[in-house]
Amino acid sequence: MTFVIKHRCLKWLTFLGDASYSFYMLHLLILRYMVWNGNSKRICHTYPCMATMLAFAATVFLSGICYEYFEKPMRAKIRSI
């Protein structure tokens, strides 16, 4: 692997590691929504692999947003106190 590919991969994995608490907090909410919602429930039972990938992608996306726009600003405010 070249240095650029390694650096991009490490940067992405570092971001996922930083956003892991948001991932932990959101994954169950997303899974419950998918199982309890009528349309999503049908998708979960008909296409379980697709539903799993969709839930994972939604969780990664939302946890990244929560990390960037909630966790980081709150962490900065707490450190400034």
Protein backbone atom coordinates (compact mmCIF):
# COMPACT_ATOMS: atom_id res chain seq x y z
CA MET A 1 0.00 0.00 0.00
CA THR A 2 1.21 3.45 -0.76
CA PHE A 3 1.54 6.11 1.91
CA VAL A 4 -1.44 8.10 0.57
CA ILE A 5 -3.78 5.09 0.69
CA LYS A 6 -2.57 4.17 4.18
CA HIS A 7 -3.03 7.75 5.37
CA ARG A 8 -6.57 7.98 3.98
CA CYS A 9 -7.47 4.61 5.46
CA LEU A 10 -6.06 5.55 8.86
CA LYS A 11 -7.82 8.92 8.80
CA TRP A 12 -11.16 7.25 8.04
CA LEU A 13 -10.63 4.60 10.72
CA THR A 14 -9.58 7.25 13.23
CA PHE A 15 -12.77 9.18 12.53
CA LEU A 16 -14.84 6.01 13.05
CA GLY A 17 -13.02 5.39 16.31
CA ASP A 18 -13.75 8.92 17.49
CA ALA A 19 -17.41 8.60 16.53
CA SER A 20 -17.76 5.16 18.12
CA TYR A 21 -19.67 6.46 21.16
CA SER A 22 -22.27 8.02 18.87
CA PHE A 23 -22.37 4.76 16.95
CA TYR A 24 -22.97 2.88 20.18
CA MET A 25 -25.74 5.25 21.24
CA LEU A 26 -27.54 5.27 17.88
CA HIS A 27 -27.32 1.71 16.63
CA LEU A 28 -30.06 0.34 18.85
CA LEU A 29 -32.42 3.20 18.03
CA ILE A 30 -31.96 2.62 14.31
CA LEU A 31 -32.39 -1.14 14.62
CA ARG A 32 -35.53 -0.73 16.71
CA TYR A 33 -36.96 1.73 14.22
CA MET A 34 -36.30 -0.67 11.36
CA VAL A 35 -37.89 -3.61 13.17
CA TRP A 36 -40.92 -1.78 14.56
CA ASN A 37 -41.75 0.40 11.57
CA GLY A 38 -44.27 -1.28 9.25
CA ASN A 39 -42.50 -0.77 5.91
CA SER A 40 -39.06 -1.39 7.36
CA LYS A 41 -40.31 -4.50 9.10
CA ARG A 42 -41.30 -5.96 5.75
CA ILE A 43 -37.86 -5.16 4.30
CA CYS A 44 -36.09 -6.68 7.32
CA HIS A 45 -37.92 -9.99 6.89
CA THR A 46 -37.78 -10.09 3.09
CA TYR A 47 -34.21 -8.85 2.57
CA PRO A 48 -32.32 -9.28 5.85
CA CYS A 49 -28.87 -8.76 4.31
CA MET A 50 -29.91 -5.52 2.62
CA ALA A 51 -31.60 -4.34 5.82
CA THR A 52 -28.42 -5.03 7.79
CA MET A 53 -26.28 -3.06 5.33
CA LEU A 54 -28.80 -0.22 5.32
CA ALA A 55 -28.89 -0.11 9.12
CA PHE A 56 -25.08 -0.10 9.29
CA ALA A 57 -24.78 2.66 6.70
CA ALA A 58 -27.44 4.78 8.42
CA THR A 59 -25.77 4.30 11.79
CA VAL A 60 -22.31 5.26 10.47
CA PHE A 61 -23.75 8.32 8.70
CA LEU A 62 -25.79 9.55 11.67
CA SER A 63 -23.04 8.86 14.18
CA GLY A 64 -20.63 10.90 12.06
CA ILE A 65 -23.06 13.81 12.03
CA CYS A 66 -23.64 13.56 15.79
CA TYR A 67 -19.91 13.44 16.41
CA GLU A 68 -19.13 16.46 14.22
CA TYR A 69 -22.01 18.70 15.27
CA PHE A 70 -22.66 17.65 18.86
CA GLU A 71 -19.79 15.78 20.48
CA LYS A 72 -16.91 17.92 19.20
CA PRO A 73 -18.51 21.28 20.12
CA MET A 74 -19.54 19.98 23.54
CA ARG A 75 -16.08 18.60 24.16
CA ALA A 76 -14.56 22.00 23.25
CA LYS A 77 -16.96 23.82 25.59
CA ILE A 78 -16.22 21.47 28.46
CA ARG A 79 -12.46 21.87 27.98
CA SER A 80 -12.77 25.65 27.99
CA ILE A 81 -14.44 25.67 31.40
